[in-house]
């Protein structure tokens, strides 16, 4: 079943309207329900974007690779994904046979109707945004999405914002329940190394636009630089500096592609007082200048 709902967004650089199935930044209405093929989803692999809405995405079939903030993740059939507002998303690849059901809740909807359990959901999300379901449960979820798609496209108004508040709350509870079953102690890892890595990851996402050196984070976490670097490397395989650079580059790429800000303004927003240094940093890590990347 293919959703009839589409939204128009404008590319600020080409001034041409596109009609993808999923808005790039925020949901233009309180909610949006739909499905997307792997081919459509691969259209979003051209550049990262920052998600302002809340997203529940269910992988009906196929596989995918994407980076959320600074962590690359693999998705497979029967996975339910929660994307929190403020998340940077970069899609690497969806398989050709992939099919994804999604429900988007706008930032304004979340501000008005956010369920009280969101705090605990965000804690679970910090551990992993993906929960995997058994075939039996996944089958129920598939039928649920099919029913919502049918209701939203019905000539009579069977779904409205008031009803979607209940759907949102149910999805929150559903996700929370399965996340806790898969990870009984998600916020308190059993080993110290994982705990340090999670704390560092969170700290980077909060301060990358002002702190560019590992020492700043080590001081904030009251750890020595060698200990922090060794711990991060052992857990994720990347260096602590790599994660800082990844966060800066992801933000920079998103701003270059989806805003009209000057390169100097983007550089300043990311903590670079000297635009020439930002240009060197960007080219060193991407092989192209910010202006060349924007035009590509």
C-alpha atoms as a PDB file:
ATOM      1  CA  UNK A   1       0.000   0.000   0.000  1.00  0.00           C
ATOM      2  CA  UNK A   2       1.462   3.311  -1.035  1.00  0.00           C
ATOM      3  CA  UNK A   3       0.540   6.385   0.973  1.00  0.00           C
ATOM      4  CA  UNK A   4      -1.146   9.190  -0.939  1.00  0.00           C
ATOM      5  CA  UNK A   5       0.205  11.764   1.465  1.00  0.00           C
ATOM      6  CA  UNK A   6       3.047  13.899   0.222  1.00  0.00           C
ATOM      7  CA  UNK A   7       4.557  17.154   1.365  1.00  0.00           C
ATOM      8  CA  UNK A   8       6.327  19.855  -0.602  1.00  0.00           C
ATOM      9  CA  UNK A   9       9.674  21.189   0.515  1.00  0.00           C
ATOM     10  CA  UNK A  10      11.888  23.698  -1.196  1.00  0.00           C
ATOM     11  CA  UNK A  11      15.543  23.247  -1.947  1.00  0.00           C
ATOM     12  CA  UNK A  12      16.995  26.659  -1.010  1.00  0.00           C
ATOM     13  CA  UNK A  13      19.803  26.326  -3.512  1.00  0.00           C
ATOM     14  CA  UNK A  14      18.008  25.156  -6.651  1.00  0.00           C
ATOM     15  CA  UNK A  15      14.700  26.860  -5.811  1.00  0.00           C
ATOM     16  CA  UNK A  16      12.961  23.761  -7.191  1.00  0.00           C
ATOM     17  CA  UNK A  17      10.169  21.962  -5.382  1.00  0.00           C
ATOM     18  CA  UNK A  18      10.585  18.283  -4.655  1.00  0.00           C
ATOM     19  CA  UNK A  19       7.898  15.843  -3.563  1.00  0.00           C
ATOM     20  CA  UNK A  20       9.448  13.151  -1.386  1.00  0.00           C
ATOM     21  CA  UNK A  21       7.380  10.971   0.922  1.00  0.00           C
ATOM     22  CA  UNK A  22       9.126  12.197   4.066  1.00  0.00           C
ATOM     23  CA  UNK A  23       9.806  15.847   4.992  1.00  0.00           C
ATOM     24  CA  UNK A  24      13.480  16.568   5.501  1.00  0.00           C
ATOM     25  CA  UNK A  25      13.330  18.549   8.718  1.00  0.00           C
ATOM     26  CA  UNK A  26       9.951  18.886  10.358  1.00  0.00           C
ATOM     27  CA  UNK A  27       6.531  17.447   9.710  1.00  0.00           C
ATOM     28  CA  UNK A  28       4.379  20.115   7.973  1.00  0.00           C
ATOM     29  CA  UNK A  29       1.270  18.940   9.826  1.00  0.00           C
ATOM     30  CA  UNK A  30       0.719  17.586  13.342  1.00  0.00           C
ATOM     31  CA  UNK A  31       1.373  14.070  12.083  1.00  0.00           C
ATOM     32  CA  UNK A  32       2.130  12.178   8.894  1.00  0.00           C
ATOM     33  CA  UNK A  33       1.641   8.471   8.223  1.00  0.00           C
ATOM     34  CA  UNK A  34       3.058   6.741   5.195  1.00  0.00           C
ATOM     35  CA  UNK A  35       5.302   4.115   3.652  1.00  0.00           C
ATOM     36  CA  UNK A  36       8.433   4.354   1.528  1.00  0.00           C
ATOM     37  CA  UNK A  37      10.376   1.984  -0.679  1.00  0.00           C
ATOM     38  CA  UNK A  38      14.116   1.492  -0.575  1.00  0.00           C
ATOM     39  CA  UNK A  39      14.425   3.509  -3.784  1.00  0.00           C
ATOM     40  CA  UNK A  40      12.707   6.531  -2.214  1.00  0.00           C
ATOM     41  CA  UNK A  41      14.711   6.269   1.001  1.00  0.00           C
ATOM     42  CA  UNK A  42      17.987   6.199  -0.941  1.00  0.00           C
ATOM     43  CA  UNK A  43      17.134   9.670  -2.232  1.00  0.00           C
ATOM     44  CA  UNK A  44      17.906  10.902   1.283  1.00  0.00           C
ATOM     45  CA  UNK A  45      21.443   9.546   1.200  1.00  0.00           C
ATOM     46  CA  UNK A  46      22.809  12.555  -0.630  1.00  0.00           C
ATOM     47  CA  UNK A  47      23.386  14.648   2.479  1.00  0.00           C
ATOM     48  CA  UNK A  48      22.653  14.593   6.212  1.00  0.00           C
ATOM     49  CA  UNK A  49      19.670  16.389   7.674  1.00  0.00           C
ATOM     50  CA  UNK A  50      18.626  17.336  11.168  1.00  0.00           C
ATOM     51  CA  UNK A  51      15.302  15.916  12.265  1.00  0.00           C
ATOM     52  CA  UNK A  52      13.098  18.312  14.235  1.00  0.00           C
ATOM     53  CA  UNK A  53      10.073  16.034  14.432  1.00  0.00           C
ATOM     54  CA  UNK A  54       9.677  12.717  16.220  1.00  0.00           C
ATOM     55  CA  UNK A  55       9.843   9.651  13.979  1.00  0.00           C
ATOM     56  CA  UNK A  56       8.733   6.059  14.428  1.00  0.00           C
ATOM     57  CA  UNK A  57       9.973   3.935  11.522  1.00  0.00           C
ATOM     58  CA  UNK A  58       9.222   0.241  11.126  1.00  0.00           C
ATOM     59  CA  UNK A  59      11.259  -1.915   8.731  1.00  0.00           C
ATOM     60  CA  UNK A  60       8.727  -4.238   7.120  1.00  0.00           C
ATOM     61  CA  UNK A  61      11.329  -5.882   4.911  1.00  0.00           C
ATOM     62  CA  UNK A  62      14.844  -5.358   3.623  1.00  0.00           C
ATOM     63  CA  UNK A  63      17.924  -3.868   5.250  1.00  0.00           C
ATOM     64  CA  UNK A  64      19.466  -0.432   5.670  1.00  0.00           C
ATOM     65  CA  UNK A  65      22.541   1.382   6.933  1.00  0.00           C
ATOM     66  CA  UNK A  66      22.380   4.871   8.404  1.00  0.00           C
ATOM     67  CA  UNK A  67      24.194   7.150  10.812  1.00  0.00           C
ATOM     68  CA  UNK A  68      22.253   8.686  13.680  1.00  0.00           C
ATOM     69  CA  UNK A  69      24.224  11.597  15.151  1.00  0.00           C
ATOM     70  CA  UNK A  70      27.712  10.034  15.272  1.00  0.00           C
ATOM     71  CA  UNK A  71      26.842   6.328  15.364  1.00  0.00           C
ATOM     72  CA  UNK A  72      26.440   4.136  12.279  1.00  0.00           C
ATOM     73  CA  UNK A  73      23.718   1.523  12.629  1.00  0.00           C
ATOM     74  CA  UNK A  74      22.321  -1.420  10.687  1.00  0.00           C
ATOM     75  CA  UNK A  75      18.585  -2.014  10.330  1.00  0.00           C
ATOM     76  CA  UNK A  76      16.834  -5.181   9.314  1.00  0.00           C
ATOM     77  CA  UNK A  77      13.366  -6.640   8.949  1.00  0.00           C
ATOM     78  CA  UNK A  78      11.167  -6.346  12.084  1.00  0.00           C
ATOM     79  CA  UNK A  79      13.184  -3.453  13.515  1.00  0.00           C
ATOM     80  CA  UNK A  80      11.323  -0.513  15.073  1.00  0.00           C
ATOM     81  CA  UNK A  81      13.324   2.714  15.104  1.00  0.00           C
ATOM     82  CA  UNK A  82      12.740   5.812  17.199  1.00  0.00           C
ATOM     83  CA  UNK A  83      14.331   9.060  16.018  1.00  0.00           C
ATOM     84  CA  UNK A  84      14.220  11.779  18.642  1.00  0.00           C
ATOM     85  CA  UNK A  85      13.952  15.483  17.688  1.00  0.00           C
ATOM     86  CA  UNK A  86      17.348  17.066  17.217  1.00  0.00           C
ATOM     87  CA  UNK A  87      18.888  13.941  15.699  1.00  0.00           C
ATOM     88  CA  UNK A  88      21.218  14.176  12.710  1.00  0.00           C
ATOM     89  CA  UNK A  89      20.337  11.533  10.134  1.00  0.00           C
ATOM     90  CA  UNK A  90      22.492  10.358   7.242  1.00  0.00           C
ATOM     91  CA  UNK A  91      21.189   7.454   5.168  1.00  0.00           C
ATOM     92  CA  UNK A  92      23.923   5.345   3.595  1.00  0.00           C
ATOM     93  CA  UNK A  93      21.968   2.635   1.825  1.00  0.00           C
ATOM     94  CA  UNK A  94      18.613   0.881   1.700  1.00  0.00           C
ATOM     95  CA  UNK A  95      18.261  -2.459  -0.060  1.00  0.00           C
ATOM     96  CA  UNK A  96      16.146  -2.410  -3.222  1.00  0.00           C
ATOM     97  CA  UNK A  97      13.468  -4.607  -1.643  1.00  0.00           C
ATOM     98  CA  UNK A  98      13.181  -2.438   1.491  1.00  0.00           C
ATOM     99  CA  UNK A  99       9.811  -1.194   2.696  1.00  0.00           C
ATOM    100  CA  UNK A 100       9.479   1.186   5.635  1.00  0.00           C
ATOM    101  CA  UNK A 101       6.322   2.318   7.423  1.00  0.00           C
ATOM    102  CA  UNK A 102       6.648   5.599   9.279  1.00  0.00           C
ATOM    103  CA  UNK A 103       4.726   7.958  11.511  1.00  0.00           C
ATOM    104  CA  UNK A 104       6.027  11.482  11.999  1.00  0.00           C
ATOM    105  CA  UNK A 105       4.940  13.777  14.817  1.00  0.00           C
ATOM    106  CA  UNK A 106       5.758  17.448  14.314  1.00  0.00           C
ATOM    107  CA  UNK A 107       7.775  19.458  16.817  1.00  0.00           C
ATOM    108  CA  UNK A 108       4.680  21.533  17.607  1.00  0.00           C
ATOM    109  CA  UNK A 109       2.665  18.340  18.231  1.00  0.00           C
ATOM    110  CA  UNK A 110       5.335  17.074  20.635  1.00  0.00           C
ATOM    111  CA  UNK A 111       5.395  20.394  22.474  1.00  0.00           C
ATOM    112  CA  UNK A 112       1.628  20.267  22.991  1.00  0.00           C
ATOM    113  CA  UNK A 113       0.940  16.593  23.572  1.00  0.00           C
ATOM    114  CA  UNK A 114       4.212  15.013  24.685  1.00  0.00           C
ATOM    115  CA  UNK A 115       3.497  12.061  26.928  1.00  0.00           C
ATOM    116  CA  UNK A 116       5.096  12.117  30.377  1.00  0.00           C
ATOM    117  CA  UNK A 117       6.961   8.878  29.660  1.00  0.00           C
ATOM    118  CA  UNK A 118       9.137  10.619  27.060  1.00  0.00           C
ATOM    119  CA  UNK A 119      11.866  11.202  29.640  1.00  0.00           C
ATOM    120  CA  UNK A 120      12.289   7.481  30.226  1.00  0.00           C
ATOM    121  CA  UNK A 121      11.970   6.841  26.489  1.00  0.00           C
ATOM    122  CA  UNK A 122      14.805   9.268  25.790  1.00  0.00           C
ATOM    123  CA  UNK A 123      16.993   7.415  28.282  1.00  0.00           C
ATOM    124  CA  UNK A 124      16.285   4.144  26.480  1.00  0.00           C
ATOM    125  CA  UNK A 125      16.916   5.837  23.152  1.00  0.00           C
ATOM    126  CA  UNK A 126      20.358   6.939  24.327  1.00  0.00           C
ATOM    127  CA  UNK A 127      21.285   3.270  24.699  1.00  0.00           C
ATOM    128  CA  UNK A 128      19.885   2.161  21.339  1.00  0.00           C
ATOM    129  CA  UNK A 129      17.218   3.693  19.093  1.00  0.00           C
ATOM    130  CA  UNK A 130      16.370   0.272  17.622  1.00  0.00           C
ATOM    131  CA  UNK A 131      14.224  -2.486  19.064  1.00  0.00           C
ATOM    132  CA  UNK A 132      13.842  -5.811  17.276  1.00  0.00           C
ATOM    133  CA  UNK A 133      10.536  -7.665  17.377  1.00  0.00           C
ATOM    134  CA  UNK A 134       9.623 -11.300  16.938  1.00  0.00           C
ATOM    135  CA  UNK A 135       7.749 -12.305  13.770  1.00  0.00           C
ATOM    136  CA  UNK A 136       4.509 -12.615  15.730  1.00  0.00           C
ATOM    137  CA  UNK A 137       4.689  -9.101  17.180  1.00  0.00           C
ATOM    138  CA  UNK A 138       5.965  -7.658  13.895  1.00  0.00           C
ATOM    139  CA  UNK A 139       2.934  -9.116  12.130  1.00  0.00           C
ATOM    140  CA  UNK A 140       0.634  -7.291  14.551  1.00  0.00           C
ATOM    141  CA  UNK A 141       2.541  -4.043  13.999  1.00  0.00           C
ATOM    142  CA  UNK A 142       2.281  -4.454  10.218  1.00  0.00           C
ATOM    143  CA  UNK A 143      -1.503  -4.835  10.439  1.00  0.00           C
ATOM    144  CA  UNK A 144      -1.648  -1.796  12.726  1.00  0.00           C
ATOM    145  CA  UNK A 145       0.226   0.389  10.237  1.00  0.00           C
ATOM    146  CA  UNK A 146      -1.906  -0.943   7.373  1.00  0.00           C
ATOM    147  CA  UNK A 147      -5.027   0.017   9.302  1.00  0.00           C
ATOM    148  CA  UNK A 148      -3.710   3.517  10.034  1.00  0.00           C
ATOM    149  CA  UNK A 149      -2.797   4.008   6.370  1.00  0.00           C
ATOM    150  CA  UNK A 150      -6.268   2.927   5.323  1.00  0.00           C
ATOM    151  CA  UNK A 151      -7.884   5.193   7.907  1.00  0.00           C
ATOM    152  CA  UNK A 152      -5.819   8.233   6.941  1.00  0.00           C
ATOM    153  CA  UNK A 153      -6.733   7.823   3.263  1.00  0.00           C
ATOM    154  CA  UNK A 154     -10.416   7.175   3.874  1.00  0.00           C
ATOM    155  CA  UNK A 155     -12.869   9.692   2.402  1.00  0.00           C
ATOM    156  CA  UNK A 156     -14.377  10.098   5.860  1.00  0.00           C
ATOM    157  CA  UNK A 157     -12.223  11.656   8.572  1.00  0.00           C
ATOM    158  CA  UNK A 158     -11.405   8.653  10.716  1.00  0.00           C
ATOM    159  CA  UNK A 159      -8.144  10.050  12.106  1.00  0.00           C
ATOM    160  CA  UNK A 160      -7.461  13.483  13.569  1.00  0.00           C
ATOM    161  CA  UNK A 161      -4.973  15.075  15.961  1.00  0.00           C
ATOM    162  CA  UNK A 162      -6.904  14.079  19.081  1.00  0.00           C
ATOM    163  CA  UNK A 163      -6.872  10.419  18.029  1.00  0.00           C
ATOM    164  CA  UNK A 164      -3.206  10.583  17.047  1.00  0.00           C
ATOM    165  CA  UNK A 165      -2.341  11.704  20.591  1.00  0.00           C
ATOM    166  CA  UNK A 166      -3.488   8.241  21.724  1.00  0.00           C
ATOM    167  CA  UNK A 167      -1.534   6.572  18.909  1.00  0.00           C
ATOM    168  CA  UNK A 168       1.560   8.511  19.961  1.00  0.00           C
ATOM    169  CA  UNK A 169       1.190   7.441  23.597  1.00  0.00           C
ATOM    170  CA  UNK A 170       0.676   3.806  22.614  1.00  0.00           C
ATOM    171  CA  UNK A 171       3.777   3.847  20.408  1.00  0.00           C
ATOM    172  CA  UNK A 172       5.793   5.352  23.256  1.00  0.00           C
ATOM    173  CA  UNK A 173       4.663   2.616  25.616  1.00  0.00           C
ATOM    174  CA  UNK A 174       5.187  -0.083  22.981  1.00  0.00           C
ATOM    175  CA  UNK A 175       8.725   1.081  22.237  1.00  0.00           C
ATOM    176  CA  UNK A 176       9.597   1.515  25.912  1.00  0.00           C
ATOM    177  CA  UNK A 177       8.301  -1.951  26.814  1.00  0.00           C
ATOM    178  CA  UNK A 178      10.311  -3.728  24.116  1.00  0.00           C
ATOM    179  CA  UNK A 179      13.442  -1.637  24.711  1.00  0.00           C
ATOM    180  CA  UNK A 180      13.422  -2.512  28.398  1.00  0.00           C
ATOM    181  CA  UNK A 181      12.918  -6.209  27.684  1.00  0.00           C
ATOM    182  CA  UNK A 182      15.888  -6.235  25.334  1.00  0.00           C
ATOM    183  CA  UNK A 183      18.057  -4.081  27.616  1.00  0.00           C
ATOM    184  CA  UNK A 184      16.987  -4.439  31.269  1.00  0.00           C
ATOM    185  CA  UNK A 185      19.575  -1.875  32.417  1.00  0.00           C
ATOM    186  CA  UNK A 186      19.974   0.451  29.432  1.00  0.00           C
ATOM    187  CA  UNK A 187      20.996   3.571  31.329  1.00  0.00           C
ATOM    188  CA  UNK A 188      23.420   1.792  33.660  1.00  0.00           C
ATOM    189  CA  UNK A 189      25.709  -0.406  31.545  1.00  0.00           C
ATOM    190  CA  UNK A 190      27.152  -3.462  33.216  1.00  0.00           C
ATOM    191  CA  UNK A 191      30.722  -2.489  32.324  1.00  0.00           C
ATOM    192  CA  UNK A 192      32.462   0.780  33.062  1.00  0.00           C
ATOM    193  CA  UNK A 193      33.912   1.164  29.550  1.00  0.00           C
ATOM    194  CA  UNK A 194      30.476   1.246  27.930  1.00  0.00           C
ATOM    195  CA  UNK A 195      29.285   3.701  30.544  1.00  0.00           C
ATOM    196  CA  UNK A 196      32.207   6.043  29.820  1.00  0.00           C
ATOM    197  CA  UNK A 197      31.618   5.769  26.083  1.00  0.00           C
ATOM    198  CA  UNK A 198      27.930   6.593  26.404  1.00  0.00           C
ATOM    199  CA  UNK A 199      28.709   9.570  28.631  1.00  0.00           C
ATOM    200  CA  UNK A 200      31.344  10.778  26.176  1.00  0.00           C
ATOM    201  CA  UNK A 201      28.994  10.372  23.217  1.00  0.00           C
ATOM    202  CA  UNK A 202      26.313  12.391  24.978  1.00  0.00           C
ATOM    203  CA  UNK A 203      28.821  15.067  25.960  1.00  0.00           C
ATOM    204  CA  UNK A 204      30.096  15.379  22.380  1.00  0.00           C
ATOM    205  CA  UNK A 205      26.584  15.850  21.020  1.00  0.00           C
ATOM    206  CA  UNK A 206      25.991  18.611  23.559  1.00  0.00           C
ATOM    207  CA  UNK A 207      29.281  20.502  23.153  1.00  0.00           C
ATOM    208  CA  UNK A 208      30.847  19.779  19.732  1.00  0.00           C
ATOM    209  CA  UNK A 209      29.972  23.290  18.555  1.00  0.00           C
ATOM    210  CA  UNK A 210      32.200  24.782  21.260  1.00  0.00           C
ATOM    211  CA  UNK A 211      34.651  22.070  22.355  1.00  0.00           C
ATOM    212  CA  UNK A 212      36.907  20.712  19.606  1.00  0.00           C
ATOM    213  CA  UNK A 213      39.573  19.017  21.713  1.00  0.00           C
ATOM    214  CA  UNK A 214      39.384  15.720  23.590  1.00  0.00           C
ATOM    215  CA  UNK A 215      40.961  17.393  26.609  1.00  0.00           C
ATOM    216  CA  UNK A 216      37.870  19.570  27.096  1.00  0.00           C
ATOM    217  CA  UNK A 217      35.701  16.477  27.410  1.00  0.00           C
ATOM    218  CA  UNK A 218      38.186  14.649  29.597  1.00  0.00           C
ATOM    219  CA  UNK A 219      38.194  17.590  32.004  1.00  0.00           C
ATOM    220  CA  UNK A 220      34.391  17.707  32.084  1.00  0.00           C
ATOM    221  CA  UNK A 221      34.221  13.958  32.723  1.00  0.00           C
ATOM    222  CA  UNK A 222      37.081  14.100  35.251  1.00  0.00           C
ATOM    223  CA  UNK A 223      39.129  11.551  33.330  1.00  0.00           C
ATOM    224  CA  UNK A 224      42.644  11.619  31.942  1.00  0.00           C
ATOM    225  CA  UNK A 225      42.945  12.071  28.188  1.00  0.00           C
ATOM    226  CA  UNK A 226      44.792   8.746  27.660  1.00  0.00           C
ATOM    227  CA  UNK A 227      42.167   6.841  29.651  1.00  0.00           C
ATOM    228  CA  UNK A 228      39.272   8.454  27.780  1.00  0.00           C
ATOM    229  CA  UNK A 229      40.885   7.870  24.385  1.00  0.00           C
ATOM    230  CA  UNK A 230      41.695   4.228  25.123  1.00  0.00           C
ATOM    231  CA  UNK A 231      38.194   3.557  26.436  1.00  0.00           C
ATOM    232  CA  UNK A 232      36.399   5.117  23.482  1.00  0.00           C
ATOM    233  CA  UNK A 233      38.640   3.287  21.016  1.00  0.00           C
ATOM    234  CA  UNK A 234      38.048  -0.080  22.694  1.00  0.00           C
ATOM    235  CA  UNK A 235      34.255   0.316  22.662  1.00  0.00           C
ATOM    236  CA  UNK A 236      33.512   1.759  19.220  1.00  0.00           C
ATOM    237  CA  UNK A 237      36.709   1.302  17.223  1.00  0.00           C
ATOM    238  CA  UNK A 238      37.016   5.028  16.517  1.00  0.00           C
ATOM    239  CA  UNK A 239      39.210   7.539  18.276  1.00  0.00           C
ATOM    240  CA  UNK A 240      37.717  10.099  20.632  1.00  0.00           C
ATOM    241  CA  UNK A 241      38.792  12.825  18.221  1.00  0.00           C
ATOM    242  CA  UNK A 242      37.048  11.062  15.332  1.00  0.00           C
ATOM    243  CA  UNK A 243      33.704  11.327  17.134  1.00  0.00           C
ATOM    244  CA  UNK A 244      34.149  15.068  17.660  1.00  0.00           C
ATOM    245  CA  UNK A 245      35.052  15.540  13.998  1.00  0.00           C
ATOM    246  CA  UNK A 246      32.100  13.395  12.896  1.00  0.00           C
ATOM    247  CA  UNK A 247      29.671  15.540  14.876  1.00  0.00           C
ATOM    248  CA  UNK A 248      31.106  18.791  13.495  1.00  0.00           C
ATOM    249  CA  UNK A 249      31.113  17.525   9.909  1.00  0.00           C
ATOM    250  CA  UNK A 250      27.585  16.147  10.105  1.00  0.00           C
ATOM    251  CA  UNK A 251      26.265  19.487  11.323  1.00  0.00           C
ATOM    252  CA  UNK A 252      28.325  21.405   8.770  1.00  0.00           C
ATOM    253  CA  UNK A 253      27.121  19.270   5.859  1.00  0.00           C
ATOM    254  CA  UNK A 254      23.504  19.626   6.932  1.00  0.00           C
ATOM    255  CA  UNK A 255      23.779  23.414   7.186  1.00  0.00           C
ATOM    256  CA  UNK A 256      25.560  23.673   3.835  1.00  0.00           C
ATOM    257  CA  UNK A 257      22.831  21.712   2.061  1.00  0.00           C
ATOM    258  CA  UNK A 258      19.640  22.889   3.719  1.00  0.00           C
ATOM    259  CA  UNK A 259      20.304  26.503   4.714  1.00  0.00           C
ATOM    260  CA  UNK A 260      21.333  29.697   2.945  1.00  0.00           C
ATOM    261  CA  UNK A 261      23.797  30.643   5.677  1.00  0.00           C
ATOM    262  CA  UNK A 262      27.171  31.897   4.531  1.00  0.00           C
ATOM    263  CA  UNK A 263      30.133  29.601   5.126  1.00  0.00           C
ATOM    264  CA  UNK A 264      31.484  32.119   7.633  1.00  0.00           C
ATOM    265  CA  UNK A 265      28.226  31.970   9.614  1.00  0.00           C
ATOM    266  CA  UNK A 266      28.272  28.161   9.624  1.00  0.00           C
ATOM    267  CA  UNK A 267      31.890  28.175  10.745  1.00  0.00           C
ATOM    268  CA  UNK A 268      31.097  30.496  13.659  1.00  0.00           C
ATOM    269  CA  UNK A 269      28.093  28.392  14.711  1.00  0.00           C
ATOM    270  CA  UNK A 270      30.428  25.407  14.971  1.00  0.00           C
ATOM    271  CA  UNK A 271      33.029  27.170  17.061  1.00  0.00           C
ATOM    272  CA  UNK A 272      35.484  28.205  14.344  1.00  0.00           C
ATOM    273  CA  UNK A 273      36.484  31.836  14.770  1.00  0.00           C
ATOM    274  CA  UNK A 274      38.551  31.697  11.586  1.00  0.00           C
ATOM    275  CA  UNK A 275      36.683  30.690   8.409  1.00  0.00           C
ATOM    276  CA  UNK A 276      39.965  29.746   6.736  1.00  0.00           C
ATOM    277  CA  UNK A 277      40.604  27.167   9.479  1.00  0.00           C
ATOM    278  CA  UNK A 278      37.084  25.795   9.022  1.00  0.00           C
ATOM    279  CA  UNK A 279      37.688  25.483   5.275  1.00  0.00           C
ATOM    280  CA  UNK A 280      40.934  23.574   5.879  1.00  0.00           C
ATOM    281  CA  UNK A 281      39.248  21.339   8.457  1.00  0.00           C
ATOM    282  CA  UNK A 282      36.363  20.544   6.109  1.00  0.00           C
ATOM    283  CA  UNK A 283      38.572  19.840   3.088  1.00  0.00           C
ATOM    284  CA  UNK A 284      40.958  17.682   5.123  1.00  0.00           C
ATOM    285  CA  UNK A 285      38.128  15.400   6.183  1.00  0.00           C
ATOM    286  CA  UNK A 286      35.967  15.444   3.038  1.00  0.00           C
ATOM    287  CA  UNK A 287      38.344  16.170   0.186  1.00  0.00           C
ATOM    288  CA  UNK A 288      36.316  19.179  -0.910  1.00  0.00           C
ATOM    289  CA  UNK A 289      35.750  22.750   0.254  1.00  0.00           C
ATOM    290  CA  UNK A 290      32.485  23.809   1.916  1.00  0.00           C
ATOM    291  CA  UNK A 291      31.468  25.829  -1.171  1.00  0.00           C
ATOM    292  CA  UNK A 292      32.200  22.896  -3.484  1.00  0.00           C
ATOM    293  CA  UNK A 293      30.218  20.560  -1.227  1.00  0.00           C
ATOM    294  CA  UNK A 294      27.249  22.959  -1.212  1.00  0.00           C
ATOM    295  CA  UNK A 295      27.181  23.044  -5.014  1.00  0.00           C
ATOM    296  CA  UNK A 296      27.591  19.277  -5.430  1.00  0.00           C
END
